[in-house]
Amino acid sequence: MPVLTLIFWRNLGGSLMTAPFALRHRVDRTGAKWAIFAGVALALHFYGFFLAMRMTTVAAGTALVALQPIFAALFVKLTGGDIPSRAWMGMFVSFGGVLLISGIDLQISLRSFLGDLAAIISAALAALYMMVGSKAQQSLETTTYTSICYFICAMTALPMALIAGNQLFHFSAREWWILLGLIFGAQFLGHTMFNSVLKRVSPAVVSLIVFFEVPVSSLLAIWWMGQRPPVGVIPGIALILFGCA
């Protein structure tokens, strides 16, 4: 299934799942505007994320996307917040991990290196999505926010898929079952739970939860896809996680 088609169906399905719960709540116009902005950011994040998963290893891609809290901290700084010196040190440590992973991948192939760049851009967009989502939920209920955000994400991906000439319907039953798993698991139980937590916890802290994605997805990739990351990438993954922490 093409990346843009996958983004469209996944987020349309997520929006339809949360919409019935959202009907009970009032829609605040200011919150809705932030939700629309978040939806566009989420579509671009997904595009970079899924490209990275197809161009580099799952382990390297998810480790680079785990840079989210660093980008969240930088966005805080740009909006007038303060970053302590210890946090800057963590960023430099993580940056060392980025250089190590991208250097190894560049030696493997240009495609893997471009996948690393897509993952880094995706991490920045994910941090932006988290921060904007936190802003939107100051005046919106989580279900209202996710219904709007996911729907806008789907509508952002749809014209891009059509312009790219991507197929929308004719896929095997296995592809549709995997898509349903993504909608119920990653979208409904994953992103929607993240967004629910954003009403109570800082976006930078919520971004740290992505750490768990790195070891779990790497083990699943070995088991399900037979994909073992290059040995040289593993120290870079460790540096990124240690630096972010």
C-alpha atoms as a PDB file:
ATOM      1  CA  MET A   1       0.000   0.000   0.000  1.00  0.00           C
ATOM      2  CA  PRO A   2       1.495   3.389  -0.988  1.00  0.00           C
ATOM      3  CA  VAL A   3       2.495   5.635   1.924  1.00  0.00           C
ATOM      4  CA  LEU A   4      -0.008   8.414   1.183  1.00  0.00           C
ATOM      5  CA  THR A   5      -2.856   5.916   0.761  1.00  0.00           C
ATOM      6  CA  LEU A   6      -1.920   4.323   4.086  1.00  0.00           C
ATOM      7  CA  ILE A   7      -1.943   7.731   5.825  1.00  0.00           C
ATOM      8  CA  PHE A   8      -5.362   8.561   4.325  1.00  0.00           C
ATOM      9  CA  TRP A   9      -7.130   5.346   5.358  1.00  0.00           C
ATOM     10  CA  ARG A  10      -5.446   5.094   8.763  1.00  0.00           C
ATOM     11  CA  ASN A  11      -6.447   8.605   9.819  1.00  0.00           C
ATOM     12  CA  LEU A  12      -9.913   8.514   8.256  1.00  0.00           C
ATOM     13  CA  GLY A  13     -10.538   5.312  10.216  1.00  0.00           C
ATOM     14  CA  GLY A  14      -9.193   6.900  13.406  1.00  0.00           C
ATOM     15  CA  SER A  15     -11.432   9.938  12.922  1.00  0.00           C
ATOM     16  CA  LEU A  16     -14.525   7.771  12.405  1.00  0.00           C
ATOM     17  CA  MET A  17     -13.725   5.786  15.569  1.00  0.00           C
ATOM     18  CA  THR A  18     -13.516   8.866  17.811  1.00  0.00           C
ATOM     19  CA  ALA A  19     -16.254  10.946  16.138  1.00  0.00           C
ATOM     20  CA  PRO A  20     -19.222   9.320  17.979  1.00  0.00           C
ATOM     21  CA  PHE A  21     -17.635  10.248  21.338  1.00  0.00           C
ATOM     22  CA  ALA A  22     -16.910  13.793  20.112  1.00  0.00           C
ATOM     23  CA  LEU A  23     -20.561  14.541  19.275  1.00  0.00           C
ATOM     24  CA  ARG A  24     -21.300  14.993  22.991  1.00  0.00           C
ATOM     25  CA  HIS A  25     -18.905  17.943  23.308  1.00  0.00           C
ATOM     26  CA  ARG A  26     -18.895  21.577  22.223  1.00  0.00           C
ATOM     27  CA  VAL A  27     -16.447  22.665  19.508  1.00  0.00           C
ATOM     28  CA  ASP A  28     -14.383  25.725  20.431  1.00  0.00           C
ATOM     29  CA  ARG A  29     -13.334  27.728  17.348  1.00  0.00           C
ATOM     30  CA  THR A  30      -9.852  28.582  18.611  1.00  0.00           C
ATOM     31  CA  GLY A  31      -9.217  24.976  19.631  1.00  0.00           C
ATOM     32  CA  ALA A  32     -10.523  23.762  16.256  1.00  0.00           C
ATOM     33  CA  LYS A  33      -8.019  25.997  14.432  1.00  0.00           C
ATOM     34  CA  TRP A  34      -5.159  24.490  16.435  1.00  0.00           C
ATOM     35  CA  ALA A  35      -6.551  20.998  15.725  1.00  0.00           C
ATOM     36  CA  ILE A  36      -6.542  21.729  11.973  1.00  0.00           C
ATOM     37  CA  PHE A  37      -2.916  22.882  12.188  1.00  0.00           C
ATOM     38  CA  ALA A  38      -2.066  19.709  14.142  1.00  0.00           C
ATOM     39  CA  GLY A  39      -3.728  17.569  11.457  1.00  0.00           C
ATOM     40  CA  VAL A  40      -1.546  19.015   8.706  1.00  0.00           C
ATOM     41  CA  ALA A  41       1.588  18.559  10.859  1.00  0.00           C
ATOM     42  CA  LEU A  42       0.554  14.958  11.600  1.00  0.00           C
ATOM     43  CA  ALA A  43       0.122  14.166   7.881  1.00  0.00           C
ATOM     44  CA  LEU A  44       3.620  15.469   7.097  1.00  0.00           C
ATOM     45  CA  HIS A  45       5.042  13.597  10.114  1.00  0.00           C
ATOM     46  CA  PHE A  46       3.478  10.336   8.952  1.00  0.00           C
ATOM     47  CA  TYR A  47       4.783  10.852   5.419  1.00  0.00           C
ATOM     48  CA  GLY A  48       8.362  11.263   6.667  1.00  0.00           C
ATOM     49  CA  PHE A  49       7.954   8.422   9.188  1.00  0.00           C
ATOM     50  CA  PHE A  50       6.650   5.814   6.741  1.00  0.00           C
ATOM     51  CA  LEU A  51       9.225   6.804   4.119  1.00  0.00           C
ATOM     52  CA  ALA A  52      11.947   6.316   6.715  1.00  0.00           C
ATOM     53  CA  MET A  53      10.591   2.870   7.625  1.00  0.00           C
ATOM     54  CA  ARG A  54      10.844   1.827   3.961  1.00  0.00           C
ATOM     55  CA  MET A  55      14.265   3.344   3.257  1.00  0.00           C
ATOM     56  CA  THR A  56      16.286   2.498   6.364  1.00  0.00           C
ATOM     57  CA  THR A  57      16.010  -0.134   9.118  1.00  0.00           C
ATOM     58  CA  VAL A  58      13.147  -0.008  11.609  1.00  0.00           C
ATOM     59  CA  ALA A  59      15.675   0.238  14.471  1.00  0.00           C
ATOM     60  CA  ALA A  60      17.519   3.238  12.984  1.00  0.00           C
ATOM     61  CA  GLY A  61      14.330   4.972  11.846  1.00  0.00           C
ATOM     62  CA  THR A  62      12.508   4.716  15.181  1.00  0.00           C
ATOM     63  CA  ALA A  63      15.662   5.770  17.086  1.00  0.00           C
ATOM     64  CA  LEU A  64      15.924   8.949  15.007  1.00  0.00           C
ATOM     65  CA  VAL A  65      12.195   9.663  15.409  1.00  0.00           C
ATOM     66  CA  ALA A  66      12.807   9.342  19.175  1.00  0.00           C
ATOM     67  CA  LEU A  67      14.567  12.737  18.895  1.00  0.00           C
ATOM     68  CA  GLN A  68      11.086  14.230  19.434  1.00  0.00           C
ATOM     69  CA  PRO A  69      11.774  15.538  22.972  1.00  0.00           C
ATOM     70  CA  ILE A  70      14.864  17.402  21.761  1.00  0.00           C
ATOM     71  CA  PHE A  71      12.861  19.170  19.069  1.00  0.00           C
ATOM     72  CA  ALA A  72      10.102  19.819  21.624  1.00  0.00           C
ATOM     73  CA  ALA A  73      12.690  21.462  23.911  1.00  0.00           C
ATOM     74  CA  LEU A  74      13.998  23.580  21.025  1.00  0.00           C
ATOM     75  CA  PHE A  75      10.452  24.702  20.176  1.00  0.00           C
ATOM     76  CA  VAL A  76       9.998  25.667  23.841  1.00  0.00           C
ATOM     77  CA  LYS A  77      13.187  27.740  23.593  1.00  0.00           C
ATOM     78  CA  LEU A  78      11.991  29.428  20.380  1.00  0.00           C
ATOM     79  CA  THR A  79       8.709  30.381  22.081  1.00  0.00           C
ATOM     80  CA  GLY A  80      10.475  32.114  24.956  1.00  0.00           C
ATOM     81  CA  GLY A  81      11.032  29.193  27.337  1.00  0.00           C
ATOM     82  CA  ASP A  82      14.280  28.297  29.079  1.00  0.00           C
ATOM     83  CA  ILE A  83      16.456  25.218  28.537  1.00  0.00           C
ATOM     84  CA  PRO A  84      18.916  24.305  31.341  1.00  0.00           C
ATOM     85  CA  SER A  85      22.563  23.596  30.499  1.00  0.00           C
ATOM     86  CA  ARG A  86      22.177  19.886  31.317  1.00  0.00           C
ATOM     87  CA  ALA A  87      19.510  19.623  28.620  1.00  0.00           C
ATOM     88  CA  TRP A  88      21.878  21.160  26.050  1.00  0.00           C
ATOM     89  CA  MET A  89      24.459  18.531  27.008  1.00  0.00           C
ATOM     90  CA  GLY A  90      21.883  15.815  26.366  1.00  0.00           C
ATOM     91  CA  MET A  91      21.202  17.282  22.935  1.00  0.00           C
ATOM     92  CA  PHE A  92      24.897  17.126  22.005  1.00  0.00           C
ATOM     93  CA  VAL A  93      25.076  13.487  23.162  1.00  0.00           C
ATOM     94  CA  SER A  94      22.029  12.625  21.045  1.00  0.00           C
ATOM     95  CA  PHE A  95      23.484  14.506  18.094  1.00  0.00           C
ATOM     96  CA  GLY A  96      26.541  12.249  18.339  1.00  0.00           C
ATOM     97  CA  GLY A  97      24.200   9.271  18.023  1.00  0.00           C
ATOM     98  CA  VAL A  98      22.562  10.836  14.958  1.00  0.00           C
ATOM     99  CA  LEU A  99      25.959  11.312  13.295  1.00  0.00           C
ATOM    100  CA  LEU A 100      26.939   7.720  14.061  1.00  0.00           C
ATOM    101  CA  ILE A 101      23.719   6.198  12.686  1.00  0.00           C
ATOM    102  CA  SER A 102      23.628   8.409   9.568  1.00  0.00           C
ATOM    103  CA  GLY A 103      27.338   7.780   8.932  1.00  0.00           C
ATOM    104  CA  ILE A 104      26.852   4.002   9.062  1.00  0.00           C
ATOM    105  CA  ASP A 105      23.760   4.205   6.843  1.00  0.00           C
ATOM    106  CA  LEU A 106      25.568   6.425   4.320  1.00  0.00           C
ATOM    107  CA  GLN A 107      28.232   3.722   4.020  1.00  0.00           C
ATOM    108  CA  ILE A 108      25.480   1.155   3.385  1.00  0.00           C
ATOM    109  CA  SER A 109      23.566   3.142   0.745  1.00  0.00           C
ATOM    110  CA  LEU A 110      22.336   6.625  -0.149  1.00  0.00           C
ATOM    111  CA  ARG A 111      18.774   5.315   0.216  1.00  0.00           C
ATOM    112  CA  SER A 112      19.372   4.417   3.882  1.00  0.00           C
ATOM    113  CA  PHE A 113      20.916   7.848   4.530  1.00  0.00           C
ATOM    114  CA  LEU A 114      17.918   9.603   2.954  1.00  0.00           C
ATOM    115  CA  GLY A 115      15.696   7.445   5.164  1.00  0.00           C
ATOM    116  CA  ASP A 116      17.602   8.797   8.181  1.00  0.00           C
ATOM    117  CA  LEU A 117      16.965  12.386   7.034  1.00  0.00           C
ATOM    118  CA  ALA A 118      13.260  11.623   6.581  1.00  0.00           C
ATOM    119  CA  ALA A 119      13.157  10.228  10.136  1.00  0.00           C
ATOM    120  CA  ILE A 120      14.823  13.340  11.600  1.00  0.00           C
ATOM    121  CA  ILE A 121      12.370  15.647   9.801  1.00  0.00           C
ATOM    122  CA  SER A 122       9.557  13.376  10.984  1.00  0.00           C
ATOM    123  CA  ALA A 123      10.783  13.743  14.590  1.00  0.00           C
ATOM    124  CA  ALA A 124      10.629  17.552  14.343  1.00  0.00           C
ATOM    125  CA  LEU A 125       7.112  17.390  12.879  1.00  0.00           C
ATOM    126  CA  ALA A 126       6.021  14.954  15.616  1.00  0.00           C
ATOM    127  CA  ALA A 127       7.220  17.373  18.301  1.00  0.00           C
ATOM    128  CA  LEU A 128       5.320  20.202  16.560  1.00  0.00           C
ATOM    129  CA  TYR A 129       2.207  17.993  16.393  1.00  0.00           C
ATOM    130  CA  MET A 130       2.470  17.230  20.126  1.00  0.00           C
ATOM    131  CA  MET A 131       2.875  20.897  21.093  1.00  0.00           C
ATOM    132  CA  VAL A 132       0.063  22.138  18.845  1.00  0.00           C
ATOM    133  CA  GLY A 133      -2.144  19.297  20.101  1.00  0.00           C
ATOM    134  CA  SER A 134      -1.480  20.360  23.670  1.00  0.00           C
ATOM    135  CA  LYS A 135      -2.517  23.908  22.729  1.00  0.00           C
ATOM    136  CA  ALA A 136      -5.719  22.683  21.025  1.00  0.00           C
ATOM    137  CA  GLN A 137      -6.759  20.598  24.026  1.00  0.00           C
ATOM    138  CA  GLN A 138      -6.737  23.599  26.314  1.00  0.00           C
ATOM    139  CA  SER A 139     -10.243  24.277  24.963  1.00  0.00           C
ATOM    140  CA  LEU A 140     -11.224  20.975  23.278  1.00  0.00           C
ATOM    141  CA  GLU A 141     -12.019  17.538  24.644  1.00  0.00           C
ATOM    142  CA  THR A 142      -9.620  14.827  23.456  1.00  0.00           C
ATOM    143  CA  THR A 143     -12.210  13.052  21.306  1.00  0.00           C
ATOM    144  CA  THR A 144     -13.216  16.316  19.608  1.00  0.00           C
ATOM    145  CA  TYR A 145      -9.569  17.188  19.001  1.00  0.00           C
ATOM    146  CA  THR A 146      -8.655  13.767  17.584  1.00  0.00           C
ATOM    147  CA  SER A 147     -11.737  13.640  15.328  1.00  0.00           C
ATOM    148  CA  ILE A 148     -10.811  16.986  13.750  1.00  0.00           C
ATOM    149  CA  CYS A 149      -7.052  16.351  13.709  1.00  0.00           C
ATOM    150  CA  TYR A 150      -7.239  12.862  12.159  1.00  0.00           C
ATOM    151  CA  PHE A 151      -9.827  13.962   9.589  1.00  0.00           C
ATOM    152  CA  ILE A 152      -7.680  16.931   8.475  1.00  0.00           C
ATOM    153  CA  CYS A 153      -4.667  14.608   8.347  1.00  0.00           C
ATOM    154  CA  ALA A 154      -6.585  12.241   6.040  1.00  0.00           C
ATOM    155  CA  MET A 155      -7.802  15.119   3.853  1.00  0.00           C
ATOM    156  CA  THR A 156      -4.228  16.458   3.610  1.00  0.00           C
ATOM    157  CA  ALA A 157      -2.940  13.078   2.416  1.00  0.00           C
ATOM    158  CA  LEU A 158      -5.807  12.371  -0.031  1.00  0.00           C
ATOM    159  CA  PRO A 159      -5.061  15.025  -2.720  1.00  0.00           C
ATOM    160  CA  MET A 160      -1.341  14.249  -2.441  1.00  0.00           C
ATOM    161  CA  ALA A 161      -2.113  10.561  -3.064  1.00  0.00           C
ATOM    162  CA  LEU A 162      -4.341  11.393  -6.043  1.00  0.00           C
ATOM    163  CA  ILE A 163      -1.739  13.739  -7.578  1.00  0.00           C
ATOM    164  CA  ALA A 164       0.925  11.046  -7.115  1.00  0.00           C
ATOM    165  CA  GLY A 165      -1.354   8.549  -8.887  1.00  0.00           C
ATOM    166  CA  ASN A 166      -1.511   6.236  -5.878  1.00  0.00           C
ATOM    167  CA  GLN A 167      -4.074   3.424  -5.819  1.00  0.00           C
ATOM    168  CA  LEU A 168      -6.759   3.843  -3.132  1.00  0.00           C
ATOM    169  CA  PHE A 169      -8.832   0.646  -3.180  1.00  0.00           C
ATOM    170  CA  HIS A 170      -7.440  -2.420  -4.901  1.00  0.00           C
ATOM    171  CA  PHE A 171      -5.282  -4.220  -2.341  1.00  0.00           C
ATOM    172  CA  SER A 172      -5.142  -7.756  -0.995  1.00  0.00           C
ATOM    173  CA  ALA A 173      -7.177  -8.806   2.045  1.00  0.00           C
ATOM    174  CA  ARG A 174      -3.910  -9.066   4.016  1.00  0.00           C
ATOM    175  CA  GLU A 175      -3.193  -5.357   3.407  1.00  0.00           C
ATOM    176  CA  TRP A 176      -6.646  -4.351   4.652  1.00  0.00           C
ATOM    177  CA  TRP A 177      -6.277  -6.502   7.798  1.00  0.00           C
ATOM    178  CA  ILE A 178      -2.898  -4.879   8.543  1.00  0.00           C
ATOM    179  CA  LEU A 179      -4.490  -1.459   7.997  1.00  0.00           C
ATOM    180  CA  LEU A 180      -7.281  -2.308  10.469  1.00  0.00           C
ATOM    181  CA  GLY A 181      -4.599  -3.322  12.966  1.00  0.00           C
ATOM    182  CA  LEU A 182      -2.919   0.062  12.484  1.00  0.00           C
ATOM    183  CA  ILE A 183      -6.202   1.940  12.950  1.00  0.00           C
ATOM    184  CA  PHE A 184      -7.224   0.101  16.120  1.00  0.00           C
ATOM    185  CA  GLY A 185      -3.746  -0.349  17.596  1.00  0.00           C
ATOM    186  CA  ALA A 186      -1.398   2.443  16.564  1.00  0.00           C
ATOM    187  CA  GLN A 187      -4.016   5.119  15.850  1.00  0.00           C
ATOM    188  CA  PHE A 188      -6.783   4.535  18.415  1.00  0.00           C
ATOM    189  CA  LEU A 189      -4.826   2.994  21.298  1.00  0.00           C
ATOM    190  CA  GLY A 190      -1.557   4.799  20.426  1.00  0.00           C
ATOM    191  CA  HIS A 191      -2.033   8.347  19.182  1.00  0.00           C
ATOM    192  CA  THR A 192      -5.384   8.868  20.877  1.00  0.00           C
ATOM    193  CA  MET A 193      -3.922   7.826  24.256  1.00  0.00           C
ATOM    194  CA  PHE A 194      -0.944  10.160  23.694  1.00  0.00           C
ATOM    195  CA  ASN A 195      -3.374  12.986  22.997  1.00  0.00           C
ATOM    196  CA  SER A 196      -5.426  12.173  26.082  1.00  0.00           C
ATOM    197  CA  VAL A 197      -2.272  12.398  28.221  1.00  0.00           C
ATOM    198  CA  LEU A 198      -1.422  15.797  26.668  1.00  0.00           C
ATOM    199  CA  LYS A 199      -4.246  17.341  28.703  1.00  0.00           C
ATOM    200  CA  ARG A 200      -2.329  16.477  31.893  1.00  0.00           C
ATOM    201  CA  VAL A 201       1.376  16.177  30.993  1.00  0.00           C
ATOM    202  CA  SER A 202       3.954  18.351  29.175  1.00  0.00           C
ATOM    203  CA  PRO A 203       4.447  17.599  25.415  1.00  0.00           C
ATOM    204  CA  ALA A 204       8.188  17.126  26.047  1.00  0.00           C
ATOM    205  CA  VAL A 205       7.463  14.399  28.625  1.00  0.00           C
ATOM    206  CA  VAL A 206       4.867  12.702  26.393  1.00  0.00           C
ATOM    207  CA  SER A 207       7.484  12.665  23.612  1.00  0.00           C
ATOM    208  CA  LEU A 208       9.758  10.617  25.893  1.00  0.00           C
ATOM    209  CA  ILE A 209       7.200   7.787  25.784  1.00  0.00           C
ATOM    210  CA  VAL A 210       8.324   7.215  22.190  1.00  0.00           C
ATOM    211  CA  PHE A 211      11.504   5.689  23.695  1.00  0.00           C
ATOM    212  CA  PHE A 212       9.589   2.448  24.253  1.00  0.00           C
ATOM    213  CA  GLU A 213       8.928   2.280  20.513  1.00  0.00           C
ATOM    214  CA  VAL A 214      12.634   1.827  19.741  1.00  0.00           C
ATOM    215  CA  PRO A 215      13.433  -1.506  21.480  1.00  0.00           C
ATOM    216  CA  VAL A 216       9.945  -2.969  20.952  1.00  0.00           C
ATOM    217  CA  SER A 217       9.779  -2.148  17.224  1.00  0.00           C
ATOM    218  CA  SER A 218      13.374  -3.334  16.706  1.00  0.00           C
ATOM    219  CA  LEU A 219      12.574  -6.722  18.281  1.00  0.00           C
ATOM    220  CA  LEU A 220       9.348  -7.000  16.274  1.00  0.00           C
ATOM    221  CA  ALA A 221      11.255  -6.188  13.066  1.00  0.00           C
ATOM    222  CA  ILE A 222      13.750  -8.986  13.812  1.00  0.00           C
ATOM    223  CA  TRP A 223      10.953 -11.474  14.585  1.00  0.00           C
ATOM    224  CA  TRP A 224       8.378 -10.520  11.948  1.00  0.00           C
ATOM    225  CA  MET A 225      10.526  -9.188   9.086  1.00  0.00           C
ATOM    226  CA  GLY A 226      13.909 -10.839   9.718  1.00  0.00           C
ATOM    227  CA  GLN A 227      15.444  -7.342   9.714  1.00  0.00           C
ATOM    228  CA  ARG A 228      18.570  -7.062  11.849  1.00  0.00           C
ATOM    229  CA  PRO A 229      20.093  -3.555  12.189  1.00  0.00           C
ATOM    230  CA  PRO A 230      23.805  -3.112  11.329  1.00  0.00           C
ATOM    231  CA  VAL A 231      25.964  -3.621  14.429  1.00  0.00           C
ATOM    232  CA  GLY A 232      27.466  -0.131  14.095  1.00  0.00           C
ATOM    233  CA  VAL A 233      24.017   1.468  14.425  1.00  0.00           C
ATOM    234  CA  ILE A 234      23.368   0.045  17.909  1.00  0.00           C
ATOM    235  CA  PRO A 235      25.806   2.400  19.786  1.00  0.00           C
ATOM    236  CA  GLY A 236      24.190   5.335  17.953  1.00  0.00           C
ATOM    237  CA  ILE A 237      20.735   4.235  19.122  1.00  0.00           C
ATOM    238  CA  ALA A 238      22.056   4.003  22.695  1.00  0.00           C
ATOM    239  CA  LEU A 239      23.565   7.523  22.468  1.00  0.00           C
ATOM    240  CA  ILE A 240      20.287   9.015  21.205  1.00  0.00           C
ATOM    241  CA  LEU A 241      18.220   7.421  23.986  1.00  0.00           C
ATOM    242  CA  PHE A 242      20.754   8.311  26.686  1.00  0.00           C
ATOM    243  CA  GLY A 243      21.067  11.899  25.471  1.00  0.00           C
ATOM    244  CA  CYS A 244      17.283  12.405  25.279  1.00  0.00           C
ATOM    245  CA  ALA A 245      16.871  10.973  28.779  1.00  0.00           C
END
